[in-house]
C-alpha cells in the first residue's frame, strides 16, 4: 500500500504514488502552431484501454468540520483515483504529441465547465485548448472558494482565486496558460476538493471514462509520441508510428 500525504495529493502524487515524476515533457510542448487543414486522406485511428494493477493507495481522509448539511458529517476522501473491479482506470489523459496539422478542433474543446455539487468538483479531469474559457458553477447553497494553479516544471503559479457564496453563481475565466499546460483547481474552504484541466496544442487528445477506454481517430500518418497521464500516477511516454489507414490498438496496464 502506498501512503500519500496532503502535499503529494496537491501535486498529483506523481512522485509519491508510483515512483514517477512529472518530468520536463509534461510541461514543455512548444513547437510549431497547429494548423487545421481537415481530416487527412488515409488517416489512421488509435483505440485502446488503460487499466491499473498496482499497489493500493492509502488516501488520507479529511474530517468535515463545517457545512455538514451539504458536505456530510464524517470524513471525506479526495477524489484521486477511480479504478473499477476489473482494473479499468478512469480520468486518464491520452495525447498524441508532435502533430502540427490535421483535423479541426471540435467545439467541446473551447470551454471547460467545473461544477460544485455536494462539496466536490465535477468532472475530475477535463481536456481543453489553452485558449479555452473556464466556467465555474456553484450548485451548493454554501460558499466555495475556487483557487486555480498552473503547474510548470514541478512548481505552481496562482492563476485565479475567487469565492462563490451562493448556489446558482457562475463565473467565466478566459484561460491563457503562459508556460505549462496543466491546471489544478482547489477549494480553499473545503480542502478535499480538487479538479484538473489538461490543455493540448492539438485536438488529438482523449480522456478515459469509467470503462478505461479511449479513441483517437483521424490521425495523420507519421511518427509521434504518445503521452499517458493520470493526476495520481504521473506520466508515461510511448513511441507511436501511424501508417496510412492504420487501425491501431494500445492497451496499457499501469503497475
Protein backbone atom coordinates (compact mmCIF):
# COMPACT_ATOMS: atom_id res chain seq x y z
CA UNK A 1 0.00 0.00 0.00
CA UNK A 2 1.28 3.45 -0.95
CA UNK A 3 0.76 6.15 1.68
CA UNK A 4 0.23 9.71 0.46
CA UNK A 5 0.39 12.96 2.37
CA UNK A 6 -1.52 16.16 1.65
CA UNK A 7 1.32 17.77 -0.35
CA UNK A 8 1.57 14.74 -2.63
CA UNK A 9 -2.16 14.90 -3.26
CA UNK A 10 -1.94 18.57 -4.24
CA UNK A 11 0.92 17.81 -6.63
CA UNK A 12 -0.91 14.90 -8.16
CA UNK A 13 1.30 12.44 -6.26
CA UNK A 14 3.36 11.84 -9.39
CA UNK A 15 6.45 11.19 -7.32
CA UNK A 16 4.91 9.63 -4.23
CA UNK A 17 2.44 7.25 -5.84
CA UNK A 18 4.31 5.27 -8.43
CA UNK A 19 7.97 6.27 -8.45
CA UNK A 20 7.37 8.51 -11.45
CA UNK A 21 7.92 12.20 -11.90
CA UNK A 22 6.17 14.89 -13.87
CA UNK A 23 9.31 15.41 -15.96
CA UNK A 24 10.03 18.28 -18.31
CA UNK A 25 7.96 16.76 -21.09
CA UNK A 26 4.76 17.25 -19.11
CA UNK A 27 5.18 21.00 -19.09
CA UNK A 28 7.04 21.74 -22.33
CA UNK A 29 5.10 21.17 -25.52
CA UNK A 30 6.40 24.11 -27.53
CA UNK A 31 6.73 23.83 -31.29
CA UNK A 32 5.04 24.96 -34.49
CA UNK A 33 1.49 26.21 -34.09
CA UNK A 34 -1.14 23.64 -35.02
CA UNK A 35 -2.86 24.17 -38.40
CA UNK A 36 -6.40 22.98 -39.15
CA UNK A 37 -6.32 21.59 -42.69
CA UNK A 38 -9.04 18.94 -42.41
CA UNK A 39 -9.06 15.19 -41.96
CA UNK A 40 -6.10 13.81 -43.91
CA UNK A 41 -6.52 11.21 -46.63
CA UNK A 42 -5.83 7.67 -45.39
CA UNK A 43 -5.81 8.83 -41.79
CA UNK A 44 -5.26 6.30 -39.04
CA UNK A 45 -7.08 5.53 -35.83
CA UNK A 46 -5.93 4.58 -32.34
CA UNK A 47 -8.17 2.91 -29.80
CA UNK A 48 -7.28 1.28 -26.51
CA UNK A 49 -7.75 0.93 -22.80
CA UNK A 50 -5.96 1.91 -19.62
CA UNK A 51 -6.05 -0.29 -16.53
CA UNK A 52 -4.41 -0.14 -13.12
CA UNK A 53 -2.94 -3.16 -11.35
CA UNK A 54 -0.51 -1.54 -8.94
CA UNK A 55 -0.38 -1.14 -5.16
CA UNK A 56 -3.44 0.15 -3.33
CA UNK A 57 -3.44 3.73 -2.08
CA UNK A 58 -3.77 4.92 1.48
CA UNK A 59 -5.61 8.17 0.77
CA UNK A 60 -5.78 10.42 3.85
CA UNK A 61 -9.39 11.27 4.65
CA UNK A 62 -10.34 14.80 5.65
CA UNK A 63 -12.67 15.46 8.58
CA UNK A 64 -15.66 17.64 7.76
CA UNK A 65 -15.81 20.49 10.29
CA UNK A 66 -18.27 22.89 8.63
CA UNK A 67 -21.15 22.94 6.15
CA UNK A 68 -22.05 19.45 7.32
CA UNK A 69 -25.61 19.63 5.97
CA UNK A 70 -24.16 19.73 2.44
CA UNK A 71 -20.72 18.14 2.81
CA UNK A 72 -21.61 15.38 5.26
CA UNK A 73 -20.82 14.84 8.92
CA UNK A 74 -17.98 12.33 8.79
CA UNK A 75 -14.78 12.01 6.75
CA UNK A 76 -14.29 12.85 3.08
CA UNK A 77 -11.81 11.15 0.79
CA UNK A 78 -10.39 13.30 -2.02
CA UNK A 79 -11.39 12.12 -5.48
CA UNK A 80 -7.98 10.98 -6.66
CA UNK A 81 -8.17 7.63 -8.45
CA UNK A 82 -11.15 5.74 -9.88
CA UNK A 83 -10.49 2.07 -10.62
CA UNK A 84 -13.23 -0.46 -11.37
CA UNK A 85 -13.11 -4.01 -10.06
CA UNK A 86 -11.77 -5.14 -13.46
CA UNK A 87 -8.94 -2.57 -13.25
CA UNK A 88 -10.39 -0.04 -15.71
CA UNK A 89 -8.82 3.34 -14.94
CA UNK A 90 -10.87 6.50 -15.45
CA UNK A 91 -9.65 10.11 -15.72
CA UNK A 92 -6.52 9.22 -17.73
CA UNK A 93 -5.40 11.62 -20.46
CA UNK A 94 -4.16 10.09 -23.72
CA UNK A 95 -2.47 12.62 -26.01
CA UNK A 96 -0.59 12.36 -29.33
CA UNK A 97 2.19 14.91 -29.44
CA UNK A 98 4.17 16.48 -32.29
CA UNK A 99 1.22 16.69 -34.69
CA UNK A 100 1.42 20.08 -36.40
CA UNK A 101 -1.57 19.88 -38.78
CA UNK A 102 -4.73 17.86 -39.24
CA UNK A 103 -8.42 17.84 -38.34
CA UNK A 104 -10.29 20.84 -36.98
CA UNK A 105 -10.88 21.38 -33.28
CA UNK A 106 -14.27 20.27 -32.03
CA UNK A 107 -16.38 22.86 -30.12
CA UNK A 108 -16.16 20.81 -26.90
CA UNK A 109 -12.53 21.92 -26.54
CA UNK A 110 -13.47 25.61 -26.48
CA UNK A 111 -14.64 25.62 -22.89
CA UNK A 112 -14.42 23.75 -19.61
CA UNK A 113 -17.24 23.59 -17.09
CA UNK A 114 -16.48 22.92 -13.46
CA UNK A 115 -19.48 22.15 -11.27
CA UNK A 116 -19.51 22.27 -7.47
CA UNK A 117 -22.01 19.66 -6.34
CA UNK A 118 -22.15 18.12 -2.87
CA UNK A 119 -18.81 19.70 -1.91
CA UNK A 120 -16.94 18.14 -4.82
CA UNK A 121 -15.72 19.37 -8.20
CA UNK A 122 -17.15 17.59 -11.22
CA UNK A 123 -15.72 16.39 -13.53
CA UNK A 124 -12.36 15.49 -12.01
CA UNK A 125 -10.26 15.69 -15.21
CA UNK A 126 -11.04 17.71 -18.36
CA UNK A 127 -9.17 18.27 -21.63
CA UNK A 128 -9.34 21.62 -23.43
CA UNK A 129 -7.48 24.14 -25.60
CA UNK A 130 -5.04 26.51 -23.95
CA UNK A 131 -7.28 29.34 -25.24
CA UNK A 132 -10.49 27.92 -23.74
CA UNK A 133 -12.86 29.65 -21.35
CA UNK A 134 -13.42 28.11 -17.94
CA UNK A 135 -16.93 28.30 -16.47
CA UNK A 136 -17.24 27.63 -12.73
CA UNK A 137 -20.76 26.96 -11.44
CA UNK A 138 -21.81 26.54 -7.81
CA UNK A 139 -24.80 24.26 -7.20
CA UNK A 140 -24.27 24.17 -3.41
CA UNK A 141 -26.03 26.67 -1.11
CA UNK A 142 -22.74 27.36 0.68
CA UNK A 143 -19.57 29.31 -0.01
CA UNK A 144 -16.82 27.75 -2.10
CA UNK A 145 -13.51 29.49 -2.79
CA UNK A 146 -12.04 28.45 -6.13
CA UNK A 147 -8.24 28.65 -6.41
CA UNK A 148 -6.51 27.57 -9.63
CA UNK A 149 -2.78 26.92 -10.12
CA UNK A 150 -0.73 26.44 -13.26
CA UNK A 151 1.95 23.74 -12.96
CA UNK A 152 5.31 24.16 -14.63
CA UNK A 153 8.43 22.02 -14.01
CA UNK A 154 7.40 21.00 -10.51
CA UNK A 155 6.26 24.46 -9.39
CA UNK A 156 2.85 26.04 -9.38
CA UNK A 157 1.66 29.60 -10.07
CA UNK A 158 -1.66 31.03 -8.92
CA UNK A 159 -3.94 31.75 -11.90
CA UNK A 160 -7.24 32.83 -10.34
CA UNK A 161 -8.80 32.91 -6.89
CA UNK A 162 -12.39 33.92 -6.11
CA UNK A 163 -15.39 32.97 -3.99
CA UNK A 164 -18.90 31.84 -4.91
CA UNK A 165 -21.01 32.18 -1.74
CA UNK A 166 -24.41 31.24 -3.21
CA UNK A 167 -25.99 28.47 -5.26
CA UNK A 168 -26.55 29.37 -8.91
CA UNK A 169 -23.47 31.56 -9.23
CA UNK A 170 -21.44 31.20 -12.42
CA UNK A 171 -18.12 32.82 -13.37
CA UNK A 172 -16.26 32.75 -16.69
CA UNK A 173 -12.47 32.92 -16.79
CA UNK A 174 -10.51 33.11 -20.07
CA UNK A 175 -7.73 30.51 -19.74
CA UNK A 176 -4.31 31.53 -21.04
CA UNK A 177 -1.53 29.39 -19.56
CA UNK A 178 1.84 31.05 -20.09
CA UNK A 179 4.23 28.12 -19.68
CA UNK A 180 2.74 24.74 -18.96
CA UNK A 181 -0.47 23.04 -19.92
CA UNK A 182 -1.72 21.67 -16.60
CA UNK A 183 -4.07 23.45 -14.21
CA UNK A 184 -5.31 22.22 -10.83
CA UNK A 185 -8.41 23.58 -9.12
CA UNK A 186 -8.72 23.62 -5.32
CA UNK A 187 -11.32 24.93 -2.89
CA UNK A 188 -9.81 26.95 -0.06
CA UNK A 189 -12.96 26.41 2.01
CA UNK A 190 -13.03 22.59 1.65
CA UNK A 191 -9.55 21.15 1.24
CA UNK A 192 -10.54 17.73 -0.12
CA UNK A 193 -11.98 19.26 -3.30
CA UNK A 194 -9.80 19.12 -6.42
CA UNK A 195 -10.07 19.01 -10.20
CA UNK A 196 -7.63 19.10 -13.13
CA UNK A 197 -7.59 20.81 -16.53
CA UNK A 198 -5.15 19.46 -19.13
CA UNK A 199 -4.65 21.66 -22.21
CA UNK A 200 -3.41 20.46 -25.57
CA UNK A 201 -1.85 22.20 -28.61
CA UNK A 202 -3.72 19.83 -30.96
CA UNK A 203 -7.11 18.05 -30.94
CA UNK A 204 -5.61 14.55 -30.83
CA UNK A 205 -6.35 14.01 -27.17
CA UNK A 206 -8.86 12.00 -25.14
CA UNK A 207 -9.62 11.15 -21.53
CA UNK A 208 -10.72 7.71 -20.39
CA UNK A 209 -14.19 7.25 -18.92
CA UNK A 210 -15.15 4.78 -16.19
CA UNK A 211 -14.53 1.82 -18.53
CA UNK A 212 -10.92 2.92 -19.16
CA UNK A 213 -11.46 3.13 -22.94
CA UNK A 214 -10.32 5.84 -25.36
CA UNK A 215 -10.41 6.54 -29.10
CA UNK A 216 -8.30 8.90 -31.23
CA UNK A 217 -9.48 8.97 -34.88
CA UNK A 218 -8.34 10.89 -37.99
CA UNK A 219 -4.59 10.72 -37.22
CA UNK A 220 -2.24 11.91 -39.99
CA UNK A 221 0.33 9.23 -40.92
CA UNK A 222 3.65 9.84 -39.17
CA UNK A 223 5.85 9.14 -36.17
CA UNK A 224 4.73 10.66 -32.88
CA UNK A 225 4.95 10.47 -29.11
CA UNK A 226 2.01 9.11 -27.15
CA UNK A 227 1.65 10.61 -23.67
CA UNK A 228 -0.40 8.83 -20.99
CA UNK A 229 -1.07 10.96 -17.89
CA UNK A 230 -3.04 10.47 -14.69
CA UNK A 231 -3.08 13.02 -11.82
CA UNK A 232 -2.14 10.38 -9.23
CA UNK A 233 0.15 8.16 -11.28
CA UNK A 234 2.20 10.58 -13.35
CA UNK A 235 3.13 10.20 -16.99
CA UNK A 236 4.27 7.53 -19.42
CA UNK A 237 5.65 8.24 -22.91
CA UNK A 238 5.45 5.74 -25.79
CA UNK A 239 6.66 5.98 -29.38
CA UNK A 240 3.78 5.83 -31.86
CA UNK A 241 4.03 5.17 -35.61
CA UNK A 242 0.87 5.64 -37.68
CA UNK A 243 0.84 4.35 -41.26
CA UNK A 244 -1.77 5.19 -43.89
CA UNK A 245 -5.18 3.82 -42.97
CA UNK A 246 -3.83 2.08 -39.87
CA UNK A 247 -6.29 0.86 -37.24
CA UNK A 248 -4.12 0.59 -34.14
CA UNK A 249 -4.82 -0.74 -30.68
CA UNK A 250 -2.95 0.23 -27.50
CA UNK A 251 -3.76 -1.32 -24.12
CA UNK A 252 -1.82 -0.32 -21.04
CA UNK A 253 -1.84 -1.93 -17.60
CA UNK A 254 -0.33 0.52 -15.11
CA UNK A 255 1.55 -1.31 -12.36
